[in-house]
Amino acid sequence: MTLPSDLATEFHIGRKATISREDLTAAALRLIGPHRSVSSLSLREVAREAGIAPNSFYRHFRDVDELAVALIDLAGQSLREIVGKARRRASSGRSVVRSSVGAFMEQVRADDRLLHVLLREGTAGSDAFKHAVDRQLDFFEEELRVDLVRLAAADNLPLHEPALVAKAITRLVFAIGTAALDLPRERDAELVEQLTQMVRMILRGSQAMARPRP
């Protein structure tokens, strides 16, 4: 029996007959790291790593940009779960800050390539990548805003403009996380302490602004 040309290509030695979106995102993640952006990947490179013919890539993604956006979305979901769990484990506003910062920095150092995608593409990627990162940051900010309002009510310490507070904290944490990728691990304790203090300053400033003026 003679196979059609496209199927014959698929059954080439070392290539898979079927593949999923998850297989392609996993292949892309294997190719990137702290010092290589997903924007530098080529379609053929990802296809080769996944063990498929380049034409099979198009069954799941229009191009590498669409694959990168899918990776950014996965990264945001993964990190929100991790930091969200850390916030929920904390019992007070003070412990929430340190727990959240600590959980974030642990992921930065855990060879979490999804997180590296999220941090790198917000500054070095295309406009499509940056919009995808901004969308994930918006999700972070909204979840943090809800938690801040809840904790402020429990501690009877209202915040001025909690949405802006959440935005300031989120953008600060991600900026420090991006910088940490290029710093030695020996700096981690210092970064965590500095970041924790900065976040607390933002919170205390907002609390002060929310107090009624005499």
Protein backbone atom coordinates (compact mmCIF):
# COMPACT_ATOMS: atom_id res chain seq x y z
CA MET A 1 0.00 0.00 0.00
CA THR A 2 1.29 3.48 -0.86
CA LEU A 3 0.67 6.24 1.67
CA PRO A 4 -0.35 9.76 0.62
CA SER A 5 2.67 12.06 0.53
CA ASP A 6 1.72 14.00 3.69
CA LEU A 7 1.22 10.81 5.70
CA ALA A 8 4.38 9.32 4.30
CA THR A 9 6.22 12.35 5.64
CA GLU A 10 4.62 11.82 9.06
CA PHE A 11 5.83 8.23 9.22
CA HIS A 12 9.39 9.22 8.43
CA ILE A 13 11.75 7.58 10.90
CA GLY A 14 11.74 9.48 14.20
CA ARG A 15 8.52 11.36 13.48
CA LYS A 16 5.15 10.86 15.15
CA ALA A 17 1.92 10.19 13.28
CA THR A 18 -0.19 12.23 15.72
CA ILE A 19 0.62 14.99 18.15
CA SER A 20 -1.29 17.32 20.48
CA ARG A 21 -1.03 21.01 21.40
CA GLU A 22 0.44 19.89 24.72
CA ASP A 23 3.20 17.97 22.89
CA LEU A 24 4.13 21.08 20.95
CA THR A 25 4.16 23.37 23.99
CA ALA A 26 6.29 20.80 25.85
CA ALA A 27 8.72 20.68 22.93
CA ALA A 28 9.00 24.48 22.90
CA LEU A 29 9.63 24.55 26.65
CA ARG A 30 12.51 22.08 26.26
CA LEU A 31 14.19 24.46 23.85
CA ILE A 32 14.00 27.63 25.93
CA GLY A 33 15.42 28.68 29.28
CA PRO A 34 16.46 31.67 31.37
CA HIS A 35 18.65 33.01 28.57
CA ARG A 36 16.66 32.03 25.50
CA SER A 37 13.38 33.66 24.59
CA VAL A 38 10.54 31.78 22.94
CA SER A 39 10.56 34.52 20.30
CA SER A 40 13.88 33.15 19.08
CA LEU A 41 12.40 29.74 18.20
CA SER A 42 11.64 28.75 14.65
CA LEU A 43 8.70 26.62 13.55
CA ARG A 44 11.02 23.98 12.10
CA GLU A 45 13.03 23.85 15.32
CA VAL A 46 9.91 23.20 17.43
CA ALA A 47 8.62 20.63 14.93
CA ARG A 48 11.95 18.80 14.97
CA GLU A 49 12.02 18.74 18.78
CA ALA A 50 8.44 17.41 18.83
CA GLY A 51 9.29 14.74 16.26
CA ILE A 52 6.85 15.84 13.55
CA ALA A 53 6.94 17.27 10.06
CA PRO A 54 6.76 21.09 9.97
CA ASN A 55 3.39 21.00 8.16
CA SER A 56 1.86 19.13 11.11
CA PHE A 57 2.53 22.14 13.33
CA TYR A 58 -0.24 24.06 11.56
CA ARG A 59 -2.88 21.60 12.73
CA HIS A 60 -2.64 23.18 16.20
CA PHE A 61 -1.10 26.65 15.83
CA ARG A 62 -1.07 29.26 13.06
CA ASP A 63 2.55 30.15 13.79
CA VAL A 64 5.17 30.29 16.54
CA ASP A 65 3.64 33.52 17.86
CA GLU A 66 0.38 31.73 18.63
CA LEU A 67 2.35 28.94 20.33
CA ALA A 68 4.17 31.55 22.44
CA VAL A 69 0.90 33.16 23.52
CA ALA A 70 -0.37 29.72 24.57
CA LEU A 71 2.79 29.27 26.66
CA ILE A 72 2.32 32.67 28.30
CA ASP A 73 -1.27 31.77 29.19
CA LEU A 74 -0.12 28.46 30.70
CA ALA A 75 2.59 30.25 32.66
CA GLY A 76 0.12 32.74 34.11
CA GLN A 77 -2.30 30.03 35.18
CA SER A 78 0.47 27.98 36.80
CA LEU A 79 1.97 30.88 38.74
CA ARG A 80 -1.43 32.19 39.89
CA GLU A 81 -2.17 28.78 41.41
CA ILE A 82 1.17 28.67 43.24
CA VAL A 83 1.06 32.22 44.61
CA GLY A 84 -2.66 31.93 45.36
CA LYS A 85 -2.04 28.88 47.53
CA ALA A 86 0.72 30.75 49.39
CA ARG A 87 -1.64 33.68 50.05
CA ARG A 88 -4.41 31.41 51.29
CA ARG A 89 -2.05 29.62 53.69
CA ALA A 90 -1.08 32.92 55.32
CA SER A 91 -3.16 34.10 58.26
CA SER A 92 -2.50 37.86 58.26
CA GLY A 93 -1.59 40.68 55.93
CA ARG A 94 2.01 40.64 57.15
CA SER A 95 2.49 36.92 56.57
CA VAL A 96 0.69 37.09 53.21
CA VAL A 97 3.35 39.45 51.88
CA ARG A 98 6.32 37.30 52.88
CA SER A 99 4.63 34.03 51.87
CA SER A 100 3.68 35.37 48.45
CA VAL A 101 7.10 36.91 47.77
CA GLY A 102 8.85 33.75 48.95
CA ALA A 103 6.68 31.50 46.78
CA PHE A 104 7.32 33.69 43.75
CA MET A 105 11.10 33.72 44.18
CA GLU A 106 11.15 29.96 44.74
CA GLN A 107 9.51 29.50 41.35
CA VAL A 108 12.00 31.85 39.71
CA ARG A 109 14.78 29.55 40.92
CA ALA A 110 12.96 26.25 40.31
CA ASP A 111 13.92 26.11 36.61
CA ASP A 112 10.26 26.86 35.91
CA ARG A 113 10.50 27.50 32.20
CA LEU A 114 6.89 28.59 32.02
CA LEU A 115 7.64 31.36 34.50
CA HIS A 116 10.72 32.33 32.52
CA VAL A 117 8.50 32.75 29.46
CA LEU A 118 6.16 35.02 31.41
CA LEU A 119 9.01 37.17 32.74
CA ARG A 120 11.05 37.41 29.54
CA GLU A 121 8.33 37.93 26.96
CA GLY A 122 6.87 40.94 28.77
CA THR A 123 10.03 42.90 28.00
CA ALA A 124 11.67 41.25 24.99
CA GLY A 125 8.84 39.69 23.01
CA SER A 126 6.64 40.94 20.19
CA ASP A 127 3.58 43.14 20.71
CA ALA A 128 1.40 40.02 20.70
CA PHE A 129 3.53 38.49 23.47
CA LYS A 130 3.46 41.69 25.52
CA HIS A 131 -0.32 41.91 25.24
CA ALA A 132 -0.56 38.28 26.40
CA VAL A 133 1.69 39.02 29.39
CA ASP A 134 -0.34 42.12 30.23
CA ARG A 135 -3.49 40.02 30.18
CA GLN A 136 -1.97 37.59 32.67
CA LEU A 137 -0.81 40.47 34.87
CA ASP A 138 -4.36 41.81 34.84
CA PHE A 139 -5.56 38.45 36.18
CA PHE A 140 -2.91 38.58 38.93
CA GLU A 141 -3.91 42.10 39.86
CA GLU A 142 -7.61 41.28 40.14
CA GLU A 143 -6.99 38.19 42.29
CA LEU A 144 -4.61 40.16 44.51
CA ARG A 145 -7.10 43.04 44.79
CA VAL A 146 -9.79 40.64 46.03
CA ASP A 147 -7.41 39.20 48.65
CA LEU A 148 -6.23 42.65 49.76
CA VAL A 149 -9.79 43.87 50.26
CA ARG A 150 -10.61 40.72 52.23
CA LEU A 151 -7.57 41.07 54.49
CA ALA A 152 -8.09 44.80 54.94
CA ALA A 153 -11.63 44.16 56.15
CA ALA A 154 -10.48 41.41 58.51
CA ASP A 155 -7.73 43.63 59.99
CA ASN A 156 -9.93 46.75 59.96
CA LEU A 157 -7.24 48.54 57.92
CA PRO A 158 -8.96 49.86 54.77
CA LEU A 159 -6.87 50.58 51.68
CA HIS A 160 -6.94 53.60 49.42
CA GLU A 161 -7.55 52.49 45.80
CA PRO A 162 -6.96 48.74 46.33
CA ALA A 163 -6.94 48.12 42.57
CA LEU A 164 -3.98 50.50 42.18
CA VAL A 165 -2.27 48.89 45.16
CA ALA A 166 -2.63 45.47 43.54
CA LYS A 167 -1.28 46.84 40.26
CA ALA A 168 1.72 48.47 41.92
CA ILE A 169 2.60 45.31 43.83
CA THR A 170 2.18 43.01 40.84
CA ARG A 171 4.30 45.13 38.51
CA LEU A 172 6.99 45.56 41.16
CA VAL A 173 7.20 41.83 41.90
CA PHE A 174 7.45 40.92 38.22
CA ALA A 175 10.13 43.57 37.60
CA ILE A 176 12.24 42.22 40.47
CA GLY A 177 11.63 38.64 39.31
CA THR A 178 12.84 39.48 35.81
CA ALA A 179 15.98 41.09 37.23
CA ALA A 180 16.58 38.07 39.49
CA LEU A 181 16.94 35.80 36.44
CA ASP A 182 20.27 37.49 35.70
CA LEU A 183 21.49 37.55 39.31
CA PRO A 184 23.25 34.79 41.31
CA ARG A 185 21.19 32.73 43.77
CA GLU A 186 23.28 34.17 46.60
CA ARG A 187 21.29 37.40 46.17
CA ASP A 188 17.91 35.70 46.71
CA ALA A 189 17.61 36.30 50.45
CA GLU A 190 18.48 39.97 49.96
CA LEU A 191 15.97 40.30 47.11
CA VAL A 192 13.19 38.63 49.10
CA GLU A 193 13.82 40.91 52.07
CA GLN A 194 13.94 44.06 49.93
CA LEU A 195 10.87 43.08 47.94
CA THR A 196 8.94 42.24 51.10
CA GLN A 197 9.79 45.65 52.57
CA MET A 198 8.81 47.47 49.39
CA VAL A 199 5.44 45.71 49.22
CA ARG A 200 4.77 46.56 52.87
CA MET A 201 5.63 50.20 52.17
CA ILE A 202 3.04 50.27 49.39
CA LEU A 203 0.44 48.74 51.70
CA ARG A 204 1.18 51.09 54.59
CA GLY A 205 1.09 54.09 52.30
CA SER A 206 -2.31 53.04 51.02
CA GLN A 207 -3.56 52.47 54.57
CA ALA A 208 -2.36 55.92 55.60
CA MET A 209 -4.10 57.53 52.62
CA ALA A 210 -7.33 55.75 53.51
CA ARG A 211 -7.46 57.22 57.03
CA PRO A 212 -9.89 60.12 57.51
CA ARG A 213 -8.09 63.44 57.70
CA PRO A 214 -8.74 65.58 60.81
